[in-house]
PDB file of N, CA and C in Angstrom:
ATOM      1  N   ASN A   1     -19.253 -74.321-162.918  1.00  0.00           N
ATOM      2  CA  ASN A   1     -20.516 -73.619-163.052  1.00  0.00           C
ATOM      3  C   ASN A   1     -20.316 -72.107-163.146  1.00  0.00           C
ATOM      4  N   ALA A   2     -19.241 -71.677-163.787  1.00  0.00           N
ATOM      5  CA  ALA A   2     -18.946 -70.247-163.890  1.00  0.00           C
ATOM      6  C   ALA A   2     -20.054 -69.531-164.662  1.00  0.00           C
ATOM      7  N   LYS A   3     -20.467 -68.393-164.132  1.00  0.00           N
ATOM      8  CA  LYS A   3     -21.512 -67.580-164.746  1.00  0.00           C
ATOM      9  C   LYS A   3     -20.912 -66.235-165.135  1.00  0.00           C
ATOM     10  N   PHE A   4     -21.124 -65.823-166.375  1.00  0.00           N
ATOM     11  CA  PHE A   4     -20.649 -64.535-166.858  1.00  0.00           C
ATOM     12  C   PHE A   4     -21.531 -63.438-166.276  1.00  0.00           C
ATOM     13  N   LEU A   5     -20.917 -62.471-165.573  1.00  0.00           N
ATOM     14  CA  LEU A   5     -21.685 -61.393-164.945  1.00  0.00           C
ATOM     15  C   LEU A   5     -21.674 -60.108-165.757  1.00  0.00           C
ATOM     16  N   GLY A   6     -20.668 -59.921-166.590  1.00  0.00           N
ATOM     17  CA  GLY A   6     -20.587 -58.699-167.375  1.00  0.00           C
ATOM     18  C   GLY A   6     -19.146 -58.312-167.610  1.00  0.00           C
ATOM     19  N   LYS A   7     -18.963 -57.073-168.017  1.00  0.00           N
ATOM     20  CA  LYS A   7     -17.608 -56.584-168.272  1.00  0.00           C
ATOM     21  C   LYS A   7     -17.509 -55.134-167.822  1.00  0.00           C
ATOM     22  N   HIS A   8     -16.274 -54.677-167.603  1.00  0.00           N
ATOM     23  CA  HIS A   8     -16.021 -53.272-167.307  1.00  0.00           C
ATOM     24  C   HIS A   8     -14.608 -52.945-167.755  1.00  0.00           C
ATOM     25  N   THR A   9     -14.246 -51.682-167.642  1.00  0.00           N
ATOM     26  CA  THR A   9     -12.930 -51.236-168.088  1.00  0.00           C
ATOM     27  C   THR A   9     -12.136 -50.721-166.896  1.00  0.00           C
ATOM     28  N   ILE A  10     -10.884 -51.127-166.827  1.00  0.00           N
ATOM     29  CA  ILE A  10      -9.981 -50.658-165.780  1.00  0.00           C
ATOM     30  C   ILE A  10      -9.108 -49.559-166.379  1.00  0.00           C
ATOM     31  N   GLY A  11      -9.108 -48.407-165.759  1.00  0.00           N
ATOM     32  CA  GLY A  11      -8.280 -47.296-166.210  1.00  0.00           C
ATOM     33  C   GLY A  11      -8.620 -46.787-167.592  1.00  0.00           C
ATOM     34  N   GLY A  12      -9.804 -47.108-168.076  1.00  0.00           N
ATOM     35  CA  GLY A  12     -10.212 -46.658-169.394  1.00  0.00           C
ATOM     36  C   GLY A  12      -9.544 -47.383-170.541  1.00  0.00           C
ATOM     37  N   LEU A  13      -8.670 -48.347-170.246  1.00  0.00           N
ATOM     38  CA  LEU A  13      -7.913 -49.032-171.295  1.00  0.00           C
ATOM     39  C   LEU A  13      -8.096 -50.543-171.329  1.00  0.00           C
ATOM     40  N   LEU A  14      -8.212 -51.154-170.171  1.00  0.00           N
ATOM     41  CA  LEU A  14      -8.227 -52.612-170.094  1.00  0.00           C
ATOM     42  C   LEU A  14      -9.638 -53.118-169.844  1.00  0.00           C
ATOM     43  N   THR A  15     -10.218 -53.792-170.837  1.00  0.00           N
ATOM     44  CA  THR A  15     -11.538 -54.377-170.674  1.00  0.00           C
ATOM     45  C   THR A  15     -11.395 -55.741-170.016  1.00  0.00           C
ATOM     46  N   VAL A  16     -12.185 -55.965-168.963  1.00  0.00           N
ATOM     47  CA  VAL A  16     -12.151 -57.247-168.262  1.00  0.00           C
ATOM     48  C   VAL A  16     -13.547 -57.853-168.207  1.00  0.00           C
ATOM     49  N   TYR A  17     -13.578 -59.182-168.236  1.00  0.00           N
ATOM     50  CA  TYR A  17     -14.823 -59.931-168.073  1.00  0.00           C
ATOM     51  C   TYR A  17     -14.901 -60.410-166.629  1.00  0.00           C
ATOM     52  N   ILE A  18     -16.100 -60.443-166.085  1.00  0.00           N
ATOM     53  CA  ILE A  18     -16.319 -60.849-164.707  1.00  0.00           C
ATOM     54  C   ILE A  18     -17.112 -62.164-164.690  1.00  0.00           C
ATOM     55  N   TYR A  19     -16.582 -63.137-163.958  1.00  0.00           N
ATOM     56  CA  TYR A  19     -17.236 -64.438-163.808  1.00  0.00           C
ATOM     57  C   TYR A  19     -17.410 -64.737-162.335  1.00  0.00           C
ATOM     58  N   GLN A  20     -18.456 -65.490-162.005  1.00  0.00           N
ATOM     59  CA  GLN A  20     -18.688 -65.923-160.635  1.00  0.00           C
ATOM     60  C   GLN A  20     -18.957 -67.415-160.657  1.00  0.00           C
ATOM     61  N   PHE A  21     -18.418 -68.111-159.659  1.00  0.00           N
ATOM     62  CA  PHE A  21     -18.711 -69.542-159.549  1.00  0.00           C
ATOM     63  C   PHE A  21     -18.805 -69.927-158.082  1.00  0.00           C
ATOM     64  N   SER A  22     -19.450 -71.056-157.842  1.00  0.00           N
ATOM     65  CA  SER A  22     -19.632 -71.546-156.475  1.00  0.00           C
ATOM     66  C   SER A  22     -19.337 -73.034-156.420  1.00  0.00           C
ATOM     67  N   LEU A  23     -18.782 -73.427-155.315  1.00  0.00           N
ATOM     68  CA  LEU A  23     -18.584 -74.829-154.968  1.00  0.00           C
ATOM     69  C   LEU A  23     -19.135 -74.993-153.562  1.00  0.00           C
ATOM     70  N   THR A  24     -19.087 -76.178-153.023  1.00  0.00           N
ATOM     71  CA  THR A  24     -19.537 -76.380-151.658  1.00  0.00           C
ATOM     72  C   THR A  24     -18.720 -75.481-150.733  1.00  0.00           C
ATOM     73  N   ASN A  25     -19.392 -74.630-149.985  1.00  0.00           N
ATOM     74  CA  ASN A  25     -18.771 -73.725-149.012  1.00  0.00           C
ATOM     75  C   ASN A  25     -17.848 -72.674-149.628  1.00  0.00           C
ATOM     76  N   LEU A  26     -17.879 -72.471-150.931  1.00  0.00           N
ATOM     77  CA  LEU A  26     -16.998 -71.502-151.576  1.00  0.00           C
ATOM     78  C   LEU A  26     -17.762 -70.723-152.640  1.00  0.00           C
ATOM     79  N   SER A  27     -17.588 -69.418-152.639  1.00  0.00           N
ATOM     80  CA  SER A  27     -18.134 -68.554-153.682  1.00  0.00           C
ATOM     81  C   SER A  27     -16.999 -67.650-154.123  1.00  0.00           C
ATOM     82  N   ALA A  28     -16.793 -67.515-155.419  1.00  0.00           N
ATOM     83  CA  ALA A  28     -15.679 -66.706-155.913  1.00  0.00           C
ATOM     84  C   ALA A  28     -16.098 -65.888-157.127  1.00  0.00           C
ATOM     85  N   THR A  29     -15.461 -64.735-157.252  1.00  0.00           N
ATOM     86  CA  THR A  29     -15.621 -63.870-158.413  1.00  0.00           C
ATOM     87  C   THR A  29     -14.236 -63.648-158.991  1.00  0.00           C
ATOM     88  N   VAL A  30     -14.121 -63.793-160.304  1.00  0.00           N
ATOM     89  CA  VAL A  30     -12.846 -63.642-160.981  1.00  0.00           C
ATOM     90  C   VAL A  30     -13.024 -62.664-162.135  1.00  0.00           C
ATOM     91  N   GLN A  31     -12.049 -61.755-162.276  1.00  0.00           N
ATOM     92  CA  GLN A  31     -12.035 -60.839-163.408  1.00  0.00           C
ATOM     93  C   GLN A  31     -10.822 -61.188-164.264  1.00  0.00           C
ATOM     94  N   VAL A  32     -11.052 -61.324-165.575  1.00  0.00           N
ATOM     95  CA  VAL A  32      -9.958 -61.643-166.493  1.00  0.00           C
ATOM     96  C   VAL A  32      -9.938 -60.651-167.643  1.00  0.00           C
ATOM     97  N   ALA A  33      -8.736 -60.341-168.123  1.00  0.00           N
ATOM     98  CA  ALA A  33      -8.588 -59.422-169.247  1.00  0.00           C
ATOM     99  C   ALA A  33      -9.238 -60.011-170.487  1.00  0.00           C
ATOM    100  N   LYS A  34      -9.987 -59.192-171.209  1.00  0.00           N
ATOM    101  CA  LYS A  34     -10.722 -59.636-172.396  1.00  0.00           C
ATOM    102  C   LYS A  34      -9.803 -60.255-173.437  1.00  0.00           C
ATOM    103  N   LYS A  35      -8.703 -59.596-173.766  1.00  0.00           N
ATOM    104  CA  LYS A  35      -7.865 -60.047-174.873  1.00  0.00           C
ATOM    105  C   LYS A  35      -6.895 -61.160-174.509  1.00  0.00           C
ATOM    106  N   THR A  36      -6.473 -61.232-173.257  1.00  0.00           N
ATOM    107  CA  THR A  36      -5.449 -62.218-172.889  1.00  0.00           C
ATOM    108  C   THR A  36      -5.944 -63.286-171.931  1.00  0.00           C
ATOM    109  N   CYS A  37      -7.098 -63.061-171.314  1.00  0.00           N
ATOM    110  CA  CYS A  37      -7.671 -63.970-170.313  1.00  0.00           C
ATOM    111  C   CYS A  37      -6.795 -64.054-169.058  1.00  0.00           C
ATOM    112  N   LEU A  38      -5.877 -63.085-168.869  1.00  0.00           N
ATOM    113  CA  LEU A  38      -5.084 -63.043-167.647  1.00  0.00           C
ATOM    114  C   LEU A  38      -5.951 -62.516-166.514  1.00  0.00           C
ATOM    115  N   PRO A  39      -5.808 -63.087-165.314  1.00  0.00           N
ATOM    116  CA  PRO A  39      -6.611 -62.608-164.187  1.00  0.00           C
ATOM    117  C   PRO A  39      -6.176 -61.214-163.754  1.00  0.00           C
ATOM    118  N   THR A  40      -7.144 -60.405-163.315  1.00  0.00           N
ATOM    119  CA  THR A  40      -6.839 -59.088-162.759  1.00  0.00           C
ATOM    120  C   THR A  40      -7.239 -59.027-161.289  1.00  0.00           C
ATOM    121  N   VAL A  41      -8.360 -59.649-160.933  1.00  0.00           N
ATOM    122  CA  VAL A  41      -8.847 -59.654-159.553  1.00  0.00           C
ATOM    123  C   VAL A  41      -9.538 -60.984-159.271  1.00  0.00           C
ATOM    124  N   GLU A  42      -9.346 -61.462-158.040  1.00  0.00           N
ATOM    125  CA  GLU A  42     -10.061 -62.651-157.578  1.00  0.00           C
ATOM    126  C   GLU A  42     -10.542 -62.374-156.166  1.00  0.00           C
ATOM    127  N   ALA A  43     -11.805 -62.610-155.915  1.00  0.00           N
ATOM    128  CA  ALA A  43     -12.367 -62.456-154.572  1.00  0.00           C
ATOM    129  C   ALA A  43     -13.086 -63.746-154.219  1.00  0.00           C
ATOM    130  N   ALA A  44     -12.882 -64.224-152.993  1.00  0.00           N
ATOM    131  CA  ALA A  44     -13.480 -65.493-152.590  1.00  0.00           C
ATOM    132  C   ALA A  44     -14.035 -65.404-151.180  1.00  0.00           C
ATOM    133  N   GLU A  45     -15.050 -66.208-150.937  1.00  0.00           N
ATOM    134  CA  GLU A  45     -15.622 -66.343-149.604  1.00  0.00           C
ATOM    135  C   GLU A  45     -15.775 -67.828-149.316  1.00  0.00           C
ATOM    136  N   ILE A  46     -15.191 -68.268-148.216  1.00  0.00           N
ATOM    137  CA  ILE A  46     -15.242 -69.676-147.823  1.00  0.00           C
ATOM    138  C   ILE A  46     -15.952 -69.758-146.477  1.00  0.00           C
ATOM    139  N   LYS A  47     -16.931 -70.651-146.373  1.00  0.00           N
ATOM    140  CA  LYS A  47     -17.671 -70.825-145.127  1.00  0.00           C
ATOM    141  C   LYS A  47     -17.326 -72.192-144.537  1.00  0.00           C
ATOM    142  N   ILE A  48     -16.887 -72.152-143.263  1.00  0.00           N
ATOM    143  CA  ILE A  48     -16.573 -73.374-142.527  1.00  0.00           C
ATOM    144  C   ILE A  48     -17.326 -73.275-141.205  1.00  0.00           C
ATOM    145  N   GLY A  49     -18.458 -73.926-141.128  1.00  0.00           N
ATOM    146  CA  GLY A  49     -19.295 -73.793-139.939  1.00  0.00           C
ATOM    147  C   GLY A  49     -19.740 -72.357-139.779  1.00  0.00           C
ATOM    148  N   ASN A  50     -19.486 -71.766-138.605  1.00  0.00           N
ATOM    149  CA  ASN A  50     -19.838 -70.366-138.356  1.00  0.00           C
ATOM    150  C   ASN A  50     -18.748 -69.396-138.799  1.00  0.00           C
ATOM    151  N   LEU A  51     -17.646 -69.921-139.253  1.00  0.00           N
ATOM    152  CA  LEU A  51     -16.510 -69.102-139.680  1.00  0.00           C
ATOM    153  C   LEU A  51     -16.634 -68.745-141.160  1.00  0.00           C
ATOM    154  N   VAL A  52     -16.421 -67.481-141.490  1.00  0.00           N
ATOM    155  CA  VAL A  52     -16.434 -67.026-142.883  1.00  0.00           C
ATOM    156  C   VAL A  52     -15.085 -66.380-143.181  1.00  0.00           C
ATOM    157  N   LEU A  53     -14.380 -66.916-144.164  1.00  0.00           N
ATOM    158  CA  LEU A  53     -13.096 -66.380-144.585  1.00  0.00           C
ATOM    159  C   LEU A  53     -13.279 -65.668-145.914  1.00  0.00           C
ATOM    160  N   ARG A  54     -12.771 -64.455-146.008  1.00  0.00           N
ATOM    161  CA  ARG A  54     -12.860 -63.696-147.254  1.00  0.00           C
ATOM    162  C   ARG A  54     -11.460 -63.318-147.702  1.00  0.00           C
ATOM    163  N   SER A  55     -11.238 -63.407-149.003  1.00  0.00           N
ATOM    164  CA  SER A  55      -9.946 -62.991-149.548  1.00  0.00           C
ATOM    165  C   SER A  55     -10.166 -62.221-150.836  1.00  0.00           C
ATOM    166  N   ALA A  56      -9.236 -61.328-151.110  1.00  0.00           N
ATOM    167  CA  ALA A  56      -9.247 -60.579-152.367  1.00  0.00           C
ATOM    168  C   ALA A  56      -7.810 -60.493-152.846  1.00  0.00           C
ATOM    169  N   ILE A  57      -7.604 -60.819-154.101  1.00  0.00           N
ATOM    170  CA  ILE A  57      -6.267 -60.818-154.679  1.00  0.00           C
ATOM    171  C   ILE A  57      -6.296 -59.961-155.938  1.00  0.00           C
ATOM    172  N   SER A  58      -5.355 -59.045-156.034  1.00  0.00           N
ATOM    173  CA  SER A  58      -5.175 -58.263-157.256  1.00  0.00           C
ATOM    174  C   SER A  58      -3.902 -58.749-157.935  1.00  0.00           C
ATOM    175  N   PHE A  59      -3.983 -58.983-159.215  1.00  0.00           N
ATOM    176  CA  PHE A  59      -2.831 -59.433-159.987  1.00  0.00           C
ATOM    177  C   PHE A  59      -2.288 -58.227-160.753  1.00  0.00           C
ATOM    178  N   ILE A  60      -1.018 -57.900-160.548  1.00  0.00           N
ATOM    179  CA  ILE A  60      -0.417 -56.772-161.240  1.00  0.00           C
ATOM    180  C   ILE A  60       0.842 -57.219-161.956  1.00  0.00           C
ATOM    181  N   ASP A  61       1.192 -56.495-162.990  1.00  0.00           N
ATOM    182  CA  ASP A  61       2.402 -56.760-163.765  1.00  0.00           C
ATOM    183  C   ASP A  61       2.448 -58.194-164.298  1.00  0.00           C
ATOM    184  N   MET A  62       1.297 -58.689-164.688  1.00  0.00           N
ATOM    185  CA  MET A  62       1.226 -60.045-165.256  1.00  0.00           C
ATOM    186  C   MET A  62       1.732 -60.000-166.693  1.00  0.00           C
ATOM    187  N   LYS A  63       2.357 -61.071-167.104  1.00  0.00           N
ATOM    188  CA  LYS A  63       2.858 -61.176-168.470  1.00  0.00           C
ATOM    189  C   LYS A  63       2.168 -62.345-169.154  1.00  0.00           C
ATOM    190  N   PRO A  64       1.660 -62.124-170.367  1.00  0.00           N
ATOM    191  CA  PRO A  64       0.934 -63.185-171.067  1.00  0.00           C
ATOM    192  C   PRO A  64       1.874 -64.219-171.688  1.00  0.00           C
ATOM    193  N   LYS A  65       2.538 -64.970-170.837  1.00  0.00           N
ATOM    194  CA  LYS A  65       3.461 -65.990-171.325  1.00  0.00           C
ATOM    195  C   LYS A  65       3.438 -67.175-170.367  1.00  0.00           C
ATOM    196  N   ILE A  66       3.467 -68.352-170.911  1.00  0.00           N
ATOM    197  CA  ILE A  66       3.518 -69.564-170.107  1.00  0.00           C
ATOM    198  C   ILE A  66       4.945 -70.086-170.168  1.00  0.00           C
ATOM    199  N   ASN A  67       5.619 -70.066-169.031  1.00  0.00           N
ATOM    200  CA  ASN A  67       7.007 -70.517-168.998  1.00  0.00           C
ATOM    201  C   ASN A  67       7.141 -72.035-169.050  1.00  0.00           C
ATOM    202  N   ASN A  68       6.212 -72.743-168.433  1.00  0.00           N
ATOM    203  CA  ASN A  68       6.253 -74.192-168.425  1.00  0.00           C
ATOM    204  C   ASN A  68       4.907 -74.735-168.889  1.00  0.00           C
ATOM    205  N   PRO A  69       4.693 -74.860-170.199  1.00  0.00           N
ATOM    206  CA  PRO A  69       3.382 -75.251-170.724  1.00  0.00           C
ATOM    207  C   PRO A  69       2.965 -76.672-170.340  1.00  0.00           C
ATOM    208  N   LYS A  70       3.867 -77.478-169.858  1.00  0.00           N
ATOM    209  CA  LYS A  70       3.524 -78.860-169.504  1.00  0.00           C
ATOM    210  C   LYS A  70       2.606 -78.934-168.292  1.00  0.00           C
ATOM    211  N   ILE A  71       2.594 -77.897-167.452  1.00  0.00           N
ATOM    212  CA  ILE A  71       1.775 -77.953-166.251  1.00  0.00           C
ATOM    213  C   ILE A  71       0.405 -77.296-166.420  1.00  0.00           C
ATOM    214  N   LEU A  72       0.162 -76.653-167.568  1.00  0.00           N
ATOM    215  CA  LEU A  72      -1.082 -75.914-167.763  1.00  0.00           C
ATOM    216  C   LEU A  72      -1.849 -76.368-168.988  1.00  0.00           C
ATOM    217  N   LYS A  73      -3.147 -76.265-168.894  1.00  0.00           N
ATOM    218  CA  LYS A  73      -4.020 -76.428-170.047  1.00  0.00           C
ATOM    219  C   LYS A  73      -4.959 -75.228-170.022  1.00  0.00           C
ATOM    220  N   VAL A  74      -4.955 -74.433-171.072  1.00  0.00           N
ATOM    221  CA  VAL A  74      -5.786 -73.233-171.116  1.00  0.00           C
ATOM    222  C   VAL A  74      -7.257 -73.662-171.088  1.00  0.00           C
ATOM    223  N   PRO A  75      -8.051 -73.130-170.142  1.00  0.00           N
ATOM    224  CA  PRO A  75      -9.469 -73.502-170.063  1.00  0.00           C
ATOM    225  C   PRO A  75     -10.211 -73.126-171.340  1.00  0.00           C
ATOM    226  N   SER A  76     -11.185 -73.949-171.729  1.00  0.00           N
ATOM    227  CA  SER A  76     -11.938 -73.686-172.949  1.00  0.00           C
ATOM    228  C   SER A  76     -12.677 -72.355-172.874  1.00  0.00           C
ATOM    229  N   ILE A  77     -13.010 -71.892-171.671  1.00  0.00           N
ATOM    230  CA  ILE A  77     -13.719 -70.622-171.528  1.00  0.00           C
ATOM    231  C   ILE A  77     -12.863 -69.456-172.041  1.00  0.00           C
ATOM    232  N   CYS A  78     -11.543 -69.624-172.028  1.00  0.00           N
ATOM    233  CA  CYS A  78     -10.653 -68.560-172.497  1.00  0.00           C
ATOM    234  C   CYS A  78     -10.538 -68.539-174.020  1.00  0.00           C
ATOM    235  N   SER A  79     -10.831 -69.639-174.678  1.00  0.00           N
ATOM    236  CA  SER A  79     -10.600 -69.722-176.112  1.00  0.00           C
ATOM    237  C   SER A  79     -11.509 -68.807-176.920  1.00  0.00           C
ATOM    238  N   HIS A  80     -12.671 -68.439-176.401  1.00  0.00           N
ATOM    239  CA  HIS A  80     -13.560 -67.576-177.180  1.00  0.00           C
ATOM    240  C   HIS A  80     -13.268 -66.089-176.977  1.00  0.00           C
ATOM    241  N   HIS A  81     -12.356 -65.739-176.081  1.00  0.00           N
ATOM    242  CA  HIS A  81     -12.042 -64.332-175.859  1.00  0.00           C
ATOM    243  C   HIS A  81     -11.052 -63.791-176.876  1.00  0.00           C
ATOM    244  N   ALA A  82     -10.148 -64.608-177.298  1.00  0.00           N
ATOM    245  CA  ALA A  82      -9.161 -64.186-178.294  1.00  0.00           C
ATOM    246  C   ALA A  82      -8.750 -65.414-179.096  1.00  0.00           C
ATOM    247  N   THR A  83      -8.650 -65.251-180.382  1.00  0.00           N
ATOM    248  CA  THR A  83      -8.230 -66.385-181.196  1.00  0.00           C
ATOM    249  C   THR A  83      -6.774 -66.703-180.900  1.00  0.00           C
ATOM    250  N   ARG A  84      -6.377 -67.919-181.196  1.00  0.00           N
ATOM    251  CA  ARG A  84      -4.990 -68.310-180.979  1.00  0.00           C
ATOM    252  C   ARG A  84      -4.049 -67.418-181.783  1.00  0.00           C
ATOM    253  N   GLU A  85      -4.409 -67.140-183.015  1.00  0.00           N
ATOM    254  CA  GLU A  85      -3.561 -66.313-183.864  1.00  0.00           C
ATOM    255  C   GLU A  85      -3.416 -64.899-183.289  1.00  0.00           C
ATOM    256  N   GLU A  86      -4.525 -64.340-182.789  1.00  0.00           N
ATOM    257  CA  GLU A  86      -4.479 -62.999-182.211  1.00  0.00           C
ATOM    258  C   GLU A  86      -3.598 -62.990-180.964  1.00  0.00           C
ATOM    259  N   ALA A  87      -3.740 -63.989-180.121  1.00  0.00           N
ATOM    260  CA  ALA A  87      -2.947 -64.049-178.896  1.00  0.00           C
ATOM    261  C   ALA A  87      -1.463 -64.159-179.210  1.00  0.00           C
ATOM    262  N   VAL A  88      -1.109 -64.983-180.174  1.00  0.00           N
ATOM    263  CA  VAL A  88       0.291 -65.149-180.531  1.00  0.00           C
ATOM    264  C   VAL A  88       0.834 -63.884-181.185  1.00  0.00           C
ATOM    265  N   ARG A  89       0.081 -63.316-182.122  1.00  0.00           N
ATOM    266  CA  ARG A  89       0.538 -62.150-182.869  1.00  0.00           C
ATOM    267  C   ARG A  89       0.635 -60.905-181.988  1.00  0.00           C
ATOM    268  N   LYS A  90      -0.425 -60.583-181.265  1.00  0.00           N
ATOM    269  CA  LYS A  90      -0.466 -59.334-180.517  1.00  0.00           C
ATOM    270  C   LYS A  90       0.232 -59.403-179.164  1.00  0.00           C
ATOM    271  N   TYR A  91       0.156 -60.552-178.513  1.00  0.00           N
ATOM    272  CA  TYR A  91       0.598 -60.603-177.124  1.00  0.00           C
ATOM    273  C   TYR A  91       1.735 -61.597-176.886  1.00  0.00           C
ATOM    274  N   ASN A  92       2.275 -62.158-177.969  1.00  0.00           N
ATOM    275  CA  ASN A  92       3.387 -63.091-177.853  1.00  0.00           C
ATOM    276  C   ASN A  92       3.071 -64.216-176.871  1.00  0.00           C
ATOM    277  N   VAL A  93       1.835 -64.734-176.952  1.00  0.00           N
ATOM    278  CA  VAL A  93       1.380 -65.786-176.054  1.00  0.00           C
ATOM    279  C   VAL A  93       1.505 -67.130-176.751  1.00  0.00           C
ATOM    280  N   MET A  94       1.937 -68.115-176.008  1.00  0.00           N
ATOM    281  CA  MET A  94       1.959 -69.480-176.529  1.00  0.00           C
ATOM    282  C   MET A  94       0.836 -70.231-175.835  1.00  0.00           C
ATOM    283  N   ILE A  95      -0.069 -70.827-176.609  1.00  0.00           N
ATOM    284  CA  ILE A  95      -1.219 -71.529-176.059  1.00  0.00           C
ATOM    285  C   ILE A  95      -1.069 -73.009-176.356  1.00  0.00           C
ATOM    286  N   TYR A  96      -1.173 -73.803-175.316  1.00  0.00           N
ATOM    287  CA  TYR A  96      -1.047 -75.246-175.457  1.00  0.00           C
ATOM    288  C   TYR A  96      -2.322 -75.923-174.992  1.00  0.00           C
ATOM    289  N   ASP A  97      -2.696 -76.985-175.683  1.00  0.00           N
ATOM    290  CA  ASP A  97      -3.780 -77.829-175.218  1.00  0.00           C
ATOM    291  C   ASP A  97      -3.516 -79.243-175.720  1.00  0.00           C
ATOM    292  N   SER A  98      -4.450 -80.144-175.493  1.00  0.00           N
ATOM    293  CA  SER A  98      -4.222 -81.542-175.830  1.00  0.00           C
ATOM    294  C   SER A  98      -4.083 -81.766-177.340  1.00  0.00           C
ATOM    295  N   LYS A  99      -4.547 -80.832-178.156  1.00  0.00           N
ATOM    296  CA  LYS A  99      -4.462 -80.972-179.609  1.00  0.00           C
ATOM    297  C   LYS A  99      -3.159 -80.426-180.158  1.00  0.00           C
ATOM    298  N   HIS A 100      -2.414 -79.667-179.332  1.00  0.00           N
ATOM    299  CA  HIS A 100      -1.187 -79.023-179.775  1.00  0.00           C
ATOM    300  C   HIS A 100      -0.011 -79.983-179.663  1.00  0.00           C
ATOM    301  N   THR A 101       0.772 -80.044-180.701  1.00  0.00           N
ATOM    302  CA  THR A 101       1.992 -80.861-180.641  1.00  0.00           C
ATOM    303  C   THR A 101       3.161 -80.033-181.147  1.00  0.00           C
ATOM    304  N   ASP A 102       4.312 -80.273-180.583  1.00  0.00           N
ATOM    305  CA  ASP A 102       5.515 -79.559-181.005  1.00  0.00           C
ATOM    306  C   ASP A 102       6.257 -80.377-182.040  1.00  0.00           C
TER     307      ASP A 102
END
């Protein structure tokens, strides 16, 4: 149930999209780079009874490459941010999904 909240720029150079989603007892916000769909920030809040756990993770020095494509399937939400050709050409990214065969 991810909801698009908007976009902003980090350091004047990197445009990121902001999404928010909720599950039972969990609310999270994720920021991903517009062109590569790599995460930049993740913030979560988990409620367990009266206890509230909050976490924030910043991702730095990420590289747009999948070392073991067998364990990942790129979410469809990422496919509209950059075309496969653009990702491969500009960012040396390899994208795999159920339609891709070697």
